[in-house]
Protein backbone atom coordinates (compact mmCIF):
# COMPACT_ATOMS: atom_id res chain seq x y z
CA MET A 1 -14.84 -6.93 -18.42
CA PHE A 2 -13.00 -8.77 -15.64
CA TYR A 3 -9.31 -9.54 -16.27
CA SER A 4 -7.35 -12.38 -14.75
CA ALA A 5 -3.93 -11.43 -13.39
CA SER A 6 -2.17 -13.18 -16.27
CA LYS A 7 -4.28 -11.49 -18.96
CA ALA A 8 -4.63 -7.99 -17.58
CA PRO A 9 -3.13 -5.33 -19.83
CA PRO A 10 0.10 -3.72 -18.55
CA ALA A 11 -1.65 -0.34 -18.44
CA VAL A 12 -4.06 -1.69 -15.83
CA PHE A 13 -1.18 -2.93 -13.65
CA HIS A 14 0.60 0.43 -13.91
CA ALA A 15 -2.59 2.37 -13.09
CA ILE A 16 -3.31 0.24 -10.01
CA HIS A 17 0.31 0.41 -8.91
CA ASN A 18 0.43 4.20 -9.32
CA LEU A 19 -2.75 4.54 -7.26
CA LEU A 20 -1.33 2.35 -4.46
CA VAL A 21 1.97 4.27 -4.49
CA THR A 22 0.10 7.55 -4.22
CA LEU A 23 -1.92 6.28 -1.25
CA THR A 24 0.83 4.50 0.67
CA LEU A 25 4.30 5.86 -0.08
CA LEU A 26 4.01 9.39 1.19
CA PRO A 27 6.91 11.74 1.93
CA VAL A 28 7.88 11.89 5.61
CA GLU A 29 7.17 15.66 5.75
CA VAL A 30 3.54 15.07 4.83
CA LEU A 31 3.17 12.45 7.57
CA GLN A 32 4.79 14.71 10.19
CA GLU A 33 2.25 17.48 9.60
CA SER A 34 -0.70 15.40 10.80
CA LYS A 35 -1.39 11.76 11.47
CA TRP A 36 -4.57 12.14 9.40
CA ASN A 37 -2.55 12.76 6.24
CA ASP A 38 -1.83 9.02 5.94
CA PRO A 39 -4.70 7.26 4.10
CA LEU A 40 -3.58 3.84 5.33
CA GLN A 41 -3.56 4.93 8.97
CA CYS A 42 -7.01 6.49 8.55
CA PHE A 43 -8.35 3.28 6.96
CA LEU A 44 -6.97 1.17 9.80
CA ALA A 45 -8.45 3.49 12.44
CA VAL A 46 -11.90 3.46 10.82
CA TYR A 47 -11.72 -0.31 10.25
CA ALA A 48 -10.89 -0.96 13.92
CA LEU A 49 -13.58 1.35 15.28
CA ARG A 50 -16.75 -0.36 16.52
CA GLU A 51 -20.26 0.94 17.10
CA GLU A 52 -19.65 0.86 20.85
CA LYS A 53 -17.11 3.68 20.37
CA ALA A 54 -14.25 1.31 21.13
CA PHE A 55 -11.50 -0.18 18.99
CA LEU A 56 -11.02 -3.84 18.13
CA GLU A 57 -8.71 -5.91 20.29
CA PRO A 58 -5.18 -6.26 18.88
CA GLN A 59 -5.62 -9.93 18.03
CA GLN A 60 -8.66 -9.00 15.91
CA VAL A 61 -6.59 -6.61 13.78
CA THR A 62 -3.46 -8.74 13.37
CA LYS A 63 -4.69 -10.48 10.20
CA LEU A 64 -5.41 -7.17 8.47
CA LEU A 65 -2.04 -5.75 9.50
CA ALA A 66 -0.26 -8.80 8.09
CA LYS A 67 -2.11 -8.37 4.78
CA CYS A 68 -1.18 -4.68 4.67
CA LYS A 69 2.46 -5.56 5.35
CA TYR A 70 2.62 -7.92 2.37
CA ILE A 71 0.76 -5.52 0.10
CA LEU A 72 3.22 -2.74 1.03
CA ARG A 73 6.16 -5.06 0.37
CA SER A 74 4.71 -5.89 -3.03
CA ILE A 75 4.23 -2.22 -3.88
CA VAL A 76 7.83 -1.38 -2.98
CA PHE A 77 9.17 -4.40 -4.86
CA TRP A 78 7.19 -3.56 -7.99
CA GLN A 79 8.32 0.07 -7.75
CA SER A 80 11.94 -1.12 -7.65
CA VAL A 81 11.35 -3.41 -10.66
CA MET A 82 9.88 -0.45 -12.58
CA ASN A 83 12.93 1.67 -11.72
CA MET A 84 15.54 -1.00 -12.51
CA GLU A 85 16.43 0.60 -15.86
CA ASN A 86 17.65 3.67 -13.93
CA PHE A 87 20.28 1.46 -12.32
CA GLY A 88 21.47 -0.50 -15.31
CA ASP A 89 19.01 -3.35 -14.71
CA ASP A 90 20.94 -4.39 -11.60
CA PHE A 91 19.23 -4.76 -8.21
CA GLN A 92 22.58 -4.66 -6.44
CA LYS A 93 23.38 -1.02 -7.33
């Protein structure tokens, strides 16, 4: 069954959010070990690779990078909303 955003059960939102956090918000130590430990960087590299064994031009990747930027911002924002109770429901703390 397909859910609209307004009718999706909270468990679905939490599951998707947890998956995205696991894939994108990695500890710095993990990223310093190898650049291939970052799933997002690997996805971008594979996406930009062409059959001619060359990468896309920067202007051809800009749209995807902008989308990734806003998705990452949304993930971080939602994570902060989920953790608000730890700070007395106050974003300013």
